[in-house]
Amino acid sequence: MKTKLLTSLLVIGSLLAPVAAIAADTTERHADRAHPMTWVKDSMITTKIKAKLAAEHPGSMKHIRVDTDKDGVVWMTGTANNQEEINQAVTTARNTAGVKSVWSDITIQNDK
């Protein structure tokens, strides 16, 4: 009886170990993100970039989405009318205070 109980506990423990490891890793990576000031800083960077883009390119801004992570990395997605608009949007983001790097997945919109 004790052998069956011990074996069952060992099997259950080995099945739950990866779940505990993943939970600990996720909590550690997102610990700063939960802090309100980190979220405000990220939002301020995103807002600054969006305001600059709206002032420079009012027509195409509605097709570009901007997000900033806790490390100051800006992620840009969406569509633009041409490569020049993509380059200008990325340059605008790079020249914004607090931005460490910019990742762009903006594509050229095909009007067919």
PDB file of N, CA and C in Angstrom:
ATOM      1  N   MET A   1       0.825  -1.189   0.000  1.00  0.00           N
ATOM      2  CA  MET A   1       0.000   0.000   0.000  1.00  0.00           C
ATOM      3  C   MET A   1       0.871   1.255   0.000  1.00  0.00           C
ATOM      4  N   LYS A   2       1.896   1.260   0.853  1.00  0.00           N
ATOM      5  CA  LYS A   2       2.774   2.415   0.920  1.00  0.00           C
ATOM      6  C   LYS A   2       3.540   2.599  -0.387  1.00  0.00           C
ATOM      7  N   THR A   3       3.866   1.518  -1.056  1.00  0.00           N
ATOM      8  CA  THR A   3       4.594   1.597  -2.318  1.00  0.00           C
ATOM      9  C   THR A   3       3.730   2.240  -3.395  1.00  0.00           C
ATOM     10  N   LYS A   4       2.447   1.880  -3.429  1.00  0.00           N
ATOM     11  CA  LYS A   4       1.541   2.470  -4.412  1.00  0.00           C
ATOM     12  C   LYS A   4       1.360   3.966  -4.154  1.00  0.00           C
ATOM     13  N   LEU A   5       1.221   4.343  -2.895  1.00  0.00           N
ATOM     14  CA  LEU A   5       1.065   5.751  -2.539  1.00  0.00           C
ATOM     15  C   LEU A   5       2.319   6.537  -2.904  1.00  0.00           C
ATOM     16  N   LEU A   6       3.470   5.988  -2.564  1.00  0.00           N
ATOM     17  CA  LEU A   6       4.733   6.649  -2.876  1.00  0.00           C
ATOM     18  C   LEU A   6       4.920   6.783  -4.392  1.00  0.00           C
ATOM     19  N   THR A   7       4.602   5.760  -5.138  1.00  0.00           N
ATOM     20  CA  THR A   7       4.708   5.795  -6.593  1.00  0.00           C
ATOM     21  C   THR A   7       3.754   6.830  -7.175  1.00  0.00           C
ATOM     22  N   SER A   8       2.537   6.883  -6.672  1.00  0.00           N
ATOM     23  CA  SER A   8       1.546   7.858  -7.146  1.00  0.00           C
ATOM     24  C   SER A   8       2.013   9.279  -6.884  1.00  0.00           C
ATOM     25  N   LEU A   9       2.522   9.535  -5.694  1.00  0.00           N
ATOM     26  CA  LEU A   9       3.021  10.866  -5.369  1.00  0.00           C
ATOM     27  C   LEU A   9       4.222  11.251  -6.235  1.00  0.00           C
ATOM     28  N   LEU A  10       5.080  10.294  -6.503  1.00  0.00           N
ATOM     29  CA  LEU A  10       6.236  10.551  -7.348  1.00  0.00           C
ATOM     30  C   LEU A  10       5.807  10.900  -8.783  1.00  0.00           C
ATOM     31  N   VAL A  11       4.836  10.184  -9.314  1.00  0.00           N
ATOM     32  CA  VAL A  11       4.336  10.446 -10.660  1.00  0.00           C
ATOM     33  C   VAL A  11       3.660  11.818 -10.717  1.00  0.00           C
ATOM     34  N   ILE A  12       2.821  12.118  -9.751  1.00  0.00           N
ATOM     35  CA  ILE A  12       2.127  13.410  -9.714  1.00  0.00           C
ATOM     36  C   ILE A  12       3.131  14.552  -9.579  1.00  0.00           C
ATOM     37  N   GLY A  13       4.127  14.376  -8.727  1.00  0.00           N
ATOM     38  CA  GLY A  13       5.155  15.398  -8.547  1.00  0.00           C
ATOM     39  C   GLY A  13       5.944  15.651  -9.815  1.00  0.00           C
ATOM     40  N   SER A  14       6.277  14.593 -10.529  1.00  0.00           N
ATOM     41  CA  SER A  14       7.044  14.769 -11.768  1.00  0.00           C
ATOM     42  C   SER A  14       6.193  15.409 -12.864  1.00  0.00           C
ATOM     43  N   LEU A  15       4.894  15.200 -12.831  1.00  0.00           N
ATOM     44  CA  LEU A  15       4.013  15.835 -13.808  1.00  0.00           C
ATOM     45  C   LEU A  15       3.798  17.317 -13.506  1.00  0.00           C
ATOM     46  N   LEU A  16       3.820  17.692 -12.247  1.00  0.00           N
ATOM     47  CA  LEU A  16       3.580  19.086 -11.858  1.00  0.00           C
ATOM     48  C   LEU A  16       4.839  19.943 -11.854  1.00  0.00           C
ATOM     49  N   ALA A  17       6.003  19.344 -11.862  1.00  0.00           N
ATOM     50  CA  ALA A  17       7.254  20.117 -11.819  1.00  0.00           C
ATOM     51  C   ALA A  17       7.388  21.082 -12.989  1.00  0.00           C
ATOM     52  N   PRO A  18       7.111  20.684 -14.232  1.00  0.00           N
ATOM     53  CA  PRO A  18       7.226  21.651 -15.336  1.00  0.00           C
ATOM     54  C   PRO A  18       6.242  22.818 -15.206  1.00  0.00           C
ATOM     55  N   VAL A  19       5.068  22.554 -14.678  1.00  0.00           N
ATOM     56  CA  VAL A  19       4.079  23.620 -14.492  1.00  0.00           C
ATOM     57  C   VAL A  19       4.604  24.658 -13.500  1.00  0.00           C
ATOM     58  N   ALA A  20       5.199  24.215 -12.421  1.00  0.00           N
ATOM     59  CA  ALA A  20       5.760  25.134 -11.427  1.00  0.00           C
ATOM     60  C   ALA A  20       6.922  25.926 -12.014  1.00  0.00           C
ATOM     61  N   ALA A  21       7.745  25.296 -12.827  1.00  0.00           N
ATOM     62  CA  ALA A  21       8.890  25.989 -13.438  1.00  0.00           C
ATOM     63  C   ALA A  21       8.415  27.067 -14.410  1.00  0.00           C
ATOM     64  N   ILE A  22       7.413  26.767 -15.211  1.00  0.00           N
ATOM     65  CA  ILE A  22       6.886  27.748 -16.159  1.00  0.00           C
ATOM     66  C   ILE A  22       6.240  28.912 -15.421  1.00  0.00           C
ATOM     67  N   ALA A  23       5.493  28.629 -14.383  1.00  0.00           N
ATOM     68  CA  ALA A  23       4.849  29.692 -13.602  1.00  0.00           C
ATOM     69  C   ALA A  23       5.886  30.613 -12.977  1.00  0.00           C
ATOM     70  N   ALA A  24       6.969  30.069 -12.465  1.00  0.00           N
ATOM     71  CA  ALA A  24       8.018  30.891 -11.856  1.00  0.00           C
ATOM     72  C   ALA A  24       8.707  31.746 -12.902  1.00  0.00           C
ATOM     73  N   ASP A  25       8.972  31.192 -14.079  1.00  0.00           N
ATOM     74  CA  ASP A  25       9.632  31.937 -15.148  1.00  0.00           C
ATOM     75  C   ASP A  25       8.744  33.077 -15.639  1.00  0.00           C
ATOM     76  N   THR A  26       7.472  32.829 -15.836  1.00  0.00           N
ATOM     77  CA  THR A  26       6.541  33.851 -16.304  1.00  0.00           C
ATOM     78  C   THR A  26       6.421  34.976 -15.295  1.00  0.00           C
ATOM     79  N   THR A  27       6.344  34.643 -14.034  1.00  0.00           N
ATOM     80  CA  THR A  27       6.244  35.661 -12.995  1.00  0.00           C
ATOM     81  C   THR A  27       7.491  36.526 -12.968  1.00  0.00           C
ATOM     82  N   GLU A  28       8.651  35.931 -13.110  1.00  0.00           N
ATOM     83  CA  GLU A  28       9.909  36.679 -13.084  1.00  0.00           C
ATOM     84  C   GLU A  28      10.017  37.632 -14.270  1.00  0.00           C
ATOM     85  N   ARG A  29       9.653  37.179 -15.475  1.00  0.00           N
ATOM     86  CA  ARG A  29       9.771  38.015 -16.662  1.00  0.00           C
ATOM     87  C   ARG A  29       8.798  39.177 -16.636  1.00  0.00           C
ATOM     88  N   HIS A  30       7.626  39.006 -16.061  1.00  0.00           N
ATOM     89  CA  HIS A  30       6.608  40.042 -16.079  1.00  0.00           C
ATOM     90  C   HIS A  30       6.491  40.791 -14.756  1.00  0.00           C
ATOM     91  N   ALA A  31       7.445  40.603 -13.870  1.00  0.00           N
ATOM     92  CA  ALA A  31       7.377  41.270 -12.573  1.00  0.00           C
ATOM     93  C   ALA A  31       7.413  42.784 -12.716  1.00  0.00           C
ATOM     94  N   ASP A  32       8.300  43.305 -13.589  1.00  0.00           N
ATOM     95  CA  ASP A  32       8.373  44.750 -13.789  1.00  0.00           C
ATOM     96  C   ASP A  32       7.137  45.280 -14.492  1.00  0.00           C
ATOM     97  N   ARG A  33       6.527  44.476 -15.349  1.00  0.00           N
ATOM     98  CA  ARG A  33       5.362  44.907 -16.122  1.00  0.00           C
ATOM     99  C   ARG A  33       4.165  45.138 -15.203  1.00  0.00           C
ATOM    100  N   ALA A  34       4.116  44.439 -14.084  1.00  0.00           N
ATOM    101  CA  ALA A  34       2.998  44.596 -13.167  1.00  0.00           C
ATOM    102  C   ALA A  34       3.092  45.898 -12.374  1.00  0.00           C
ATOM    103  N   HIS A  35       4.270  46.457 -12.285  1.00  0.00           N
ATOM    104  CA  HIS A  35       4.446  47.695 -11.538  1.00  0.00           C
ATOM    105  C   HIS A  35       3.811  48.849 -12.314  1.00  0.00           C
ATOM    106  N   PRO A  36       2.956  49.644 -11.680  1.00  0.00           N
ATOM    107  CA  PRO A  36       2.241  50.709 -12.383  1.00  0.00           C
ATOM    108  C   PRO A  36       3.145  51.718 -13.080  1.00  0.00           C
ATOM    109  N   MET A  37       4.261  52.080 -12.487  1.00  0.00           N
ATOM    110  CA  MET A  37       5.129  53.086 -13.099  1.00  0.00           C
ATOM    111  C   MET A  37       5.781  52.570 -14.387  1.00  0.00           C
ATOM    112  N   THR A  38       6.064  51.270 -14.453  1.00  0.00           N
ATOM    113  CA  THR A  38       6.604  50.695 -15.677  1.00  0.00           C
ATOM    114  C   THR A  38       5.576  50.794 -16.784  1.00  0.00           C
ATOM    115  N   TRP A  39       4.337  50.473 -16.461  1.00  0.00           N
ATOM    116  CA  TRP A  39       3.265  50.547 -17.448  1.00  0.00           C
ATOM    117  C   TRP A  39       3.071  51.986 -17.916  1.00  0.00           C
ATOM    118  N   VAL A  40       3.124  52.951 -17.003  1.00  0.00           N
ATOM    119  CA  VAL A  40       2.952  54.360 -17.372  1.00  0.00           C
ATOM    120  C   VAL A  40       4.087  54.807 -18.284  1.00  0.00           C
ATOM    121  N   LYS A  41       5.323  54.420 -17.963  1.00  0.00           N
ATOM    122  CA  LYS A  41       6.477  54.791 -18.795  1.00  0.00           C
ATOM    123  C   LYS A  41       6.320  54.238 -20.206  1.00  0.00           C
ATOM    124  N   ASP A  42       5.917  52.974 -20.317  1.00  0.00           N
ATOM    125  CA  ASP A  42       5.718  52.355 -21.625  1.00  0.00           C
ATOM    126  C   ASP A  42       4.609  53.066 -22.391  1.00  0.00           C
ATOM    127  N   SER A  43       3.539  53.402 -21.715  1.00  0.00           N
ATOM    128  CA  SER A  43       2.414  54.087 -22.354  1.00  0.00           C
ATOM    129  C   SER A  43       2.810  55.477 -22.820  1.00  0.00           C
ATOM    130  N   MET A  44       3.644  56.150 -22.048  1.00  0.00           N
ATOM    131  CA  MET A  44       4.089  57.488 -22.434  1.00  0.00           C
ATOM    132  C   MET A  44       4.929  57.430 -23.711  1.00  0.00           C
ATOM    133  N   ILE A  45       5.810  56.453 -23.817  1.00  0.00           N
ATOM    134  CA  ILE A  45       6.625  56.298 -25.017  1.00  0.00           C
ATOM    135  C   ILE A  45       5.720  56.040 -26.218  1.00  0.00           C
ATOM    136  N   THR A  46       4.775  55.119 -26.068  1.00  0.00           N
ATOM    137  CA  THR A  46       3.845  54.797 -27.151  1.00  0.00           C
ATOM    138  C   THR A  46       3.046  56.019 -27.567  1.00  0.00           C
ATOM    139  N   THR A  47       2.563  56.785 -26.594  1.00  0.00           N
ATOM    140  CA  THR A  47       1.767  57.979 -26.882  1.00  0.00           C
ATOM    141  C   THR A  47       2.591  59.039 -27.608  1.00  0.00           C
ATOM    142  N   LYS A  48       3.841  59.232 -27.192  1.00  0.00           N
ATOM    143  CA  LYS A  48       4.723  60.206 -27.861  1.00  0.00           C
ATOM    144  C   LYS A  48       4.923  59.828 -29.329  1.00  0.00           C
ATOM    145  N   ILE A  49       5.170  58.554 -29.578  1.00  0.00           N
ATOM    146  CA  ILE A  49       5.393  58.103 -30.951  1.00  0.00           C
ATOM    147  C   ILE A  49       4.133  58.287 -31.788  1.00  0.00           C
ATOM    148  N   LYS A  50       2.988  57.895 -31.239  1.00  0.00           N
ATOM    149  CA  LYS A  50       1.730  58.036 -31.974  1.00  0.00           C
ATOM    150  C   LYS A  50       1.435  59.501 -32.289  1.00  0.00           C
ATOM    151  N   ALA A  51       1.707  60.390 -31.341  1.00  0.00           N
ATOM    152  CA  ALA A  51       1.463  61.820 -31.573  1.00  0.00           C
ATOM    153  C   ALA A  51       2.372  62.356 -32.676  1.00  0.00           C
ATOM    154  N   LYS A  52       3.639  61.958 -32.657  1.00  0.00           N
ATOM    155  CA  LYS A  52       4.569  62.400 -33.704  1.00  0.00           C
ATOM    156  C   LYS A  52       4.143  61.877 -35.070  1.00  0.00           C
ATOM    157  N   LEU A  53       3.746  60.611 -35.121  1.00  0.00           N
ATOM    158  CA  LEU A  53       3.321  60.027 -36.390  1.00  0.00           C
ATOM    159  C   LEU A  53       2.049  60.706 -36.912  1.00  0.00           C
ATOM    160  N   ALA A  54       1.137  61.012 -36.018  1.00  0.00           N
ATOM    161  CA  ALA A  54      -0.104  61.671 -36.430  1.00  0.00           C
ATOM    162  C   ALA A  54       0.176  63.072 -36.964  1.00  0.00           C
ATOM    163  N   ALA A  55       1.143  63.765 -36.381  1.00  0.00           N
ATOM    164  CA  ALA A  55       1.482  65.113 -36.835  1.00  0.00           C
ATOM    165  C   ALA A  55       2.197  65.076 -38.192  1.00  0.00           C
ATOM    166  N   GLU A  56       3.042  64.058 -38.393  1.00  0.00           N
ATOM    167  CA  GLU A  56       3.829  63.966 -39.618  1.00  0.00           C
ATOM    168  C   GLU A  56       3.075  63.297 -40.771  1.00  0.00           C
ATOM    169  N   HIS A  57       2.272  62.290 -40.444  1.00  0.00           N
ATOM    170  CA  HIS A  57       1.580  61.487 -41.460  1.00  0.00           C
ATOM    171  C   HIS A  57       0.130  61.250 -41.048  1.00  0.00           C
ATOM    172  N   PRO A  58      -0.694  62.280 -41.057  1.00  0.00           N
ATOM    173  CA  PRO A  58      -2.061  62.095 -40.548  1.00  0.00           C
ATOM    174  C   PRO A  58      -2.873  61.045 -41.295  1.00  0.00           C
ATOM    175  N   GLY A  59      -2.668  60.878 -42.586  1.00  0.00           N
ATOM    176  CA  GLY A  59      -3.455  59.921 -43.354  1.00  0.00           C
ATOM    177  C   GLY A  59      -3.087  58.478 -43.110  1.00  0.00           C
ATOM    178  N   SER A  60      -1.795  58.197 -42.995  1.00  0.00           N
ATOM    179  CA  SER A  60      -1.367  56.803 -42.872  1.00  0.00           C
ATOM    180  C   SER A  60      -1.257  56.338 -41.422  1.00  0.00           C
ATOM    181  N   MET A  61      -1.344  57.245 -40.465  1.00  0.00           N
ATOM    182  CA  MET A  61      -1.190  56.879 -39.054  1.00  0.00           C
ATOM    183  C   MET A  61      -2.247  55.871 -38.608  1.00  0.00           C
ATOM    184  N   LYS A  62      -3.433  55.953 -39.163  1.00  0.00           N
ATOM    185  CA  LYS A  62      -4.502  55.061 -38.714  1.00  0.00           C
ATOM    186  C   LYS A  62      -4.219  53.602 -39.038  1.00  0.00           C
ATOM    187  N   HIS A  63      -3.244  53.344 -39.888  1.00  0.00           N
ATOM    188  CA  HIS A  63      -2.924  51.973 -40.273  1.00  0.00           C
ATOM    189  C   HIS A  63      -1.687  51.426 -39.571  1.00  0.00           C
ATOM    190  N   ILE A  64      -1.048  52.222 -38.714  1.00  0.00           N
ATOM    191  CA  ILE A  64       0.159  51.786 -38.005  1.00  0.00           C
ATOM    192  C   ILE A  64      -0.146  51.663 -36.514  1.00  0.00           C
ATOM    193  N   ARG A  65       0.151  50.484 -35.971  1.00  0.00           N
ATOM    194  CA  ARG A  65      -0.042  50.244 -34.538  1.00  0.00           C
ATOM    195  C   ARG A  65       1.324  50.261 -33.848  1.00  0.00           C
ATOM    196  N   VAL A  66       1.355  50.854 -32.665  1.00  0.00           N
ATOM    197  CA  VAL A  66       2.601  51.012 -31.918  1.00  0.00           C
ATOM    198  C   VAL A  66       2.415  50.437 -30.520  1.00  0.00           C
ATOM    199  N   ASP A  67       3.396  49.677 -30.055  1.00  0.00           N
ATOM    200  CA  ASP A  67       3.377  49.158 -28.689  1.00  0.00           C
ATOM    201  C   ASP A  67       4.806  49.193 -28.159  1.00  0.00           C
ATOM    202  N   THR A  68       4.946  49.425 -26.868  1.00  0.00           N
ATOM    203  CA  THR A  68       6.265  49.488 -26.231  1.00  0.00           C
ATOM    204  C   THR A  68       6.311  48.465 -25.107  1.00  0.00           C
ATOM    205  N   ASP A  69       7.387  47.668 -25.042  1.00  0.00           N
ATOM    206  CA  ASP A  69       7.510  46.718 -23.945  1.00  0.00           C
ATOM    207  C   ASP A  69       8.301  47.328 -22.799  1.00  0.00           C
ATOM    208  N   LYS A  70       8.469  46.568 -21.730  1.00  0.00           N
ATOM    209  CA  LYS A  70       9.091  47.080 -20.503  1.00  0.00           C
ATOM    210  C   LYS A  70      10.555  47.461 -20.666  1.00  0.00           C
ATOM    211  N   ASP A  71      11.205  46.984 -21.730  1.00  0.00           N
ATOM    212  CA  ASP A  71      12.621  47.273 -21.951  1.00  0.00           C
ATOM    213  C   ASP A  71      12.841  48.450 -22.883  1.00  0.00           C
ATOM    214  N   GLY A  72      11.764  49.157 -23.266  1.00  0.00           N
ATOM    215  CA  GLY A  72      11.903  50.286 -24.178  1.00  0.00           C
ATOM    216  C   GLY A  72      11.991  49.882 -25.632  1.00  0.00           C
ATOM    217  N   VAL A  73      11.590  48.644 -25.941  1.00  0.00           N
ATOM    218  CA  VAL A  73      11.577  48.165 -27.318  1.00  0.00           C
ATOM    219  C   VAL A  73      10.207  48.477 -27.914  1.00  0.00           C
ATOM    220  N   VAL A  74      10.210  49.160 -29.058  1.00  0.00           N
ATOM    221  CA  VAL A  74       8.969  49.551 -29.718  1.00  0.00           C
ATOM    222  C   VAL A  74       8.672  48.557 -30.828  1.00  0.00           C
ATOM    223  N   TRP A  75       7.417  48.101 -30.867  1.00  0.00           N
ATOM    224  CA  TRP A  75       6.951  47.161 -31.886  1.00  0.00           C
ATOM    225  C   TRP A  75       5.952  47.902 -32.759  1.00  0.00           C
ATOM    226  N   MET A  76       6.225  47.970 -34.060  1.00  0.00           N
ATOM    227  CA  MET A  76       5.341  48.664 -34.996  1.00  0.00           C
ATOM    228  C   MET A  76       4.801  47.657 -36.006  1.00  0.00           C
ATOM    229  N   THR A  77       3.475  47.656 -36.190  1.00  0.00           N
ATOM    230  CA  THR A  77       2.834  46.764 -37.145  1.00  0.00           C
ATOM    231  C   THR A  77       1.807  47.551 -37.944  1.00  0.00           C
ATOM    232  N   GLY A  78       1.338  46.953 -39.025  1.00  0.00           N
ATOM    233  CA  GLY A  78       0.312  47.587 -39.832  1.00  0.00           C
ATOM    234  C   GLY A  78       0.760  47.784 -41.260  1.00  0.00           C
ATOM    235  N   THR A  79       0.148  48.786 -41.921  1.00  0.00           N
ATOM    236  CA  THR A  79       0.460  49.039 -43.317  1.00  0.00           C
ATOM    237  C   THR A  79       0.757  50.516 -43.548  1.00  0.00           C
ATOM    238  N   ALA A  80       1.524  50.769 -44.614  1.00  0.00           N
ATOM    239  CA  ALA A  80       1.837  52.136 -45.054  1.00  0.00           C
ATOM    240  C   ALA A  80       1.676  52.175 -46.573  1.00  0.00           C
ATOM    241  N   ASN A  81       1.650  53.373 -47.130  1.00  0.00           N
ATOM    242  CA  ASN A  81       1.458  53.522 -48.574  1.00  0.00           C
ATOM    243  C   ASN A  81       2.705  53.182 -49.384  1.00  0.00           C
ATOM    244  N   ASN A  82       3.902  53.398 -48.777  1.00  0.00           N
ATOM    245  CA  ASN A  82       5.140  53.118 -49.505  1.00  0.00           C
ATOM    246  C   ASN A  82       6.286  52.926 -48.511  1.00  0.00           C
ATOM    247  N   GLN A  83       7.446  52.559 -49.039  1.00  0.00           N
ATOM    248  CA  GLN A  83       8.608  52.293 -48.183  1.00  0.00           C
ATOM    249  C   GLN A  83       9.078  53.546 -47.464  1.00  0.00           C
ATOM    250  N   GLU A  84       8.942  54.687 -48.097  1.00  0.00           N
ATOM    251  CA  GLU A  84       9.364  55.947 -47.479  1.00  0.00           C
ATOM    252  C   GLU A  84       8.580  56.219 -46.191  1.00  0.00           C
ATOM    253  N   GLU A  85       7.281  55.961 -46.198  1.00  0.00           N
ATOM    254  CA  GLU A  85       6.483  56.149 -44.986  1.00  0.00           C
ATOM    255  C   GLU A  85       6.917  55.185 -43.890  1.00  0.00           C
ATOM    256  N   ILE A  86       7.252  53.967 -44.262  1.00  0.00           N
ATOM    257  CA  ILE A  86       7.736  52.990 -43.272  1.00  0.00           C
ATOM    258  C   ILE A  86       9.036  53.486 -42.662  1.00  0.00           C
ATOM    259  N   ASN A  87       9.966  53.935 -43.504  1.00  0.00           N
ATOM    260  CA  ASN A  87      11.258  54.434 -43.016  1.00  0.00           C
ATOM    261  C   ASN A  87      11.077  55.640 -42.099  1.00  0.00           C
ATOM    262  N   GLN A  88      10.175  56.548 -42.466  1.00  0.00           N
ATOM    263  CA  GLN A  88       9.927  57.735 -41.642  1.00  0.00           C
ATOM    264  C   GLN A  88       9.309  57.355 -40.301  1.00  0.00           C
ATOM    265  N   ALA A  89       8.393  56.392 -40.306  1.00  0.00           N
ATOM    266  CA  ALA A  89       7.759  55.956 -39.055  1.00  0.00           C
ATOM    267  C   ALA A  89       8.787  55.324 -38.118  1.00  0.00           C
ATOM    268  N   VAL A  90       9.652  54.484 -38.667  1.00  0.00           N
ATOM    269  CA  VAL A  90      10.688  53.830 -37.855  1.00  0.00           C
ATOM    270  C   VAL A  90      11.676  54.872 -37.329  1.00  0.00           C
ATOM    271  N   THR A  91      12.073  55.819 -38.158  1.00  0.00           N
ATOM    272  CA  THR A  91      12.998  56.880 -37.733  1.00  0.00           C
ATOM    273  C   THR A  91      12.366  57.732 -36.630  1.00  0.00           C
ATOM    274  N   THR A  92      11.101  58.052 -36.777  1.00  0.00           N
ATOM    275  CA  THR A  92      10.395  58.821 -35.755  1.00  0.00           C
ATOM    276  C   THR A  92      10.404  58.079 -34.431  1.00  0.00           C
ATOM    277  N   ALA A  93      10.126  56.784 -34.466  1.00  0.00           N
ATOM    278  CA  ALA A  93      10.127  55.988 -33.235  1.00  0.00           C
ATOM    279  C   ALA A  93      11.526  55.936 -32.619  1.00  0.00           C
ATOM    280  N   ARG A  94      12.556  55.731 -33.442  1.00  0.00           N
ATOM    281  CA  ARG A  94      13.927  55.649 -32.927  1.00  0.00           C
ATOM    282  C   ARG A  94      14.376  56.953 -32.281  1.00  0.00           C
ATOM    283  N   ASN A  95      13.875  58.083 -32.769  1.00  0.00           N
ATOM    284  CA  ASN A  95      14.274  59.388 -32.245  1.00  0.00           C
ATOM    285  C   ASN A  95      13.416  59.857 -31.071  1.00  0.00           C
ATOM    286  N   THR A  96      12.636  58.980 -30.505  1.00  0.00           N
ATOM    287  CA  THR A  96      11.795  59.313 -29.357  1.00  0.00           C
ATOM    288  C   THR A  96      12.517  58.934 -28.071  1.00  0.00           C
ATOM    289  N   ALA A  97      12.469  59.820 -27.100  1.00  0.00           N
ATOM    290  CA  ALA A  97      13.144  59.580 -25.815  1.00  0.00           C
ATOM    291  C   ALA A  97      12.615  58.317 -25.150  1.00  0.00           C
ATOM    292  N   GLY A  98      13.533  57.508 -24.629  1.00  0.00           N
ATOM    293  CA  GLY A  98      13.174  56.292 -23.906  1.00  0.00           C
ATOM    294  C   GLY A  98      13.167  55.043 -24.762  1.00  0.00           C
ATOM    295  N   VAL A  99      13.272  55.195 -26.079  1.00  0.00           N
ATOM    296  CA  VAL A  99      13.245  54.044 -26.993  1.00  0.00           C
ATOM    297  C   VAL A  99      14.646  53.438 -27.092  1.00  0.00           C
ATOM    298  N   LYS A 100      14.740  52.153 -26.829  1.00  0.00           N
ATOM    299  CA  LYS A 100      16.029  51.446 -26.922  1.00  0.00           C
ATOM    300  C   LYS A 100      16.231  50.861 -28.321  1.00  0.00           C
ATOM    301  N   SER A 101      15.168  50.296 -28.895  1.00  0.00           N
ATOM    302  CA  SER A 101      15.232  49.757 -30.250  1.00  0.00           C
ATOM    303  C   SER A 101      13.827  49.689 -30.830  1.00  0.00           C
ATOM    304  N   VAL A 102      13.763  49.499 -32.153  1.00  0.00           N
ATOM    305  CA  VAL A 102      12.481  49.461 -32.849  1.00  0.00           C
ATOM    306  C   VAL A 102      12.423  48.217 -33.719  1.00  0.00           C
ATOM    307  N   TRP A 103      11.329  47.483 -33.617  1.00  0.00           N
ATOM    308  CA  TRP A 103      11.062  46.332 -34.469  1.00  0.00           C
ATOM    309  C   TRP A 103       9.872  46.695 -35.333  1.00  0.00           C
ATOM    310  N   SER A 104      10.043  46.626 -36.636  1.00  0.00           N
ATOM    311  CA  SER A 104       8.978  47.006 -37.561  1.00  0.00           C
ATOM    312  C   SER A 104       8.480  45.814 -38.363  1.00  0.00           C
ATOM    313  N   ASP A 105       7.170  45.640 -38.361  1.00  0.00           N
ATOM    314  CA  ASP A 105       6.514  44.653 -39.206  1.00  0.00           C
ATOM    315  C   ASP A 105       5.460  45.376 -40.048  1.00  0.00           C
ATOM    316  N   ILE A 106       5.802  46.599 -40.451  1.00  0.00           N
ATOM    317  CA  ILE A 106       4.903  47.405 -41.276  1.00  0.00           C
ATOM    318  C   ILE A 106       5.110  46.974 -42.731  1.00  0.00           C
ATOM    319  N   THR A 107       4.022  46.726 -43.424  1.00  0.00           N
ATOM    320  CA  THR A 107       4.090  46.315 -44.820  1.00  0.00           C
ATOM    321  C   THR A 107       3.491  47.390 -45.725  1.00  0.00           C
ATOM    322  N   ILE A 108       3.824  47.329 -46.999  1.00  0.00           N
ATOM    323  CA  ILE A 108       3.285  48.263 -47.963  1.00  0.00           C
ATOM    324  C   ILE A 108       1.898  47.791 -48.365  1.00  0.00           C
ATOM    325  N   GLN A 109       0.946  48.705 -48.278  1.00  0.00           N
ATOM    326  CA  GLN A 109      -0.440  48.383 -48.597  1.00  0.00           C
ATOM    327  C   GLN A 109      -0.605  48.268 -50.110  1.00  0.00           C
ATOM    328  N   ASN A 110      -1.173  47.178 -50.536  1.00  0.00           N
ATOM    329  CA  ASN A 110      -1.426  46.954 -51.965  1.00  0.00           C
ATOM    330  C   ASN A 110      -2.873  47.283 -52.266  1.00  0.00           C
ATOM    331  N   ASP A 111      -3.104  48.348 -53.010  1.00  0.00           N
ATOM    332  CA  ASP A 111      -4.454  48.718 -53.430  1.00  0.00           C
ATOM    333  C   ASP A 111      -4.748  48.060 -54.760  1.00  0.00           C
ATOM    334  N   LYS A 112      -5.581  47.038 -54.712  1.00  0.00           N
ATOM    335  CA  LYS A 112      -5.931  46.341 -55.966  1.00  0.00           C
ATOM    336  C   LYS A 112      -7.412  46.373 -56.171  1.00  0.00           C
TER     337      LYS A 112
END
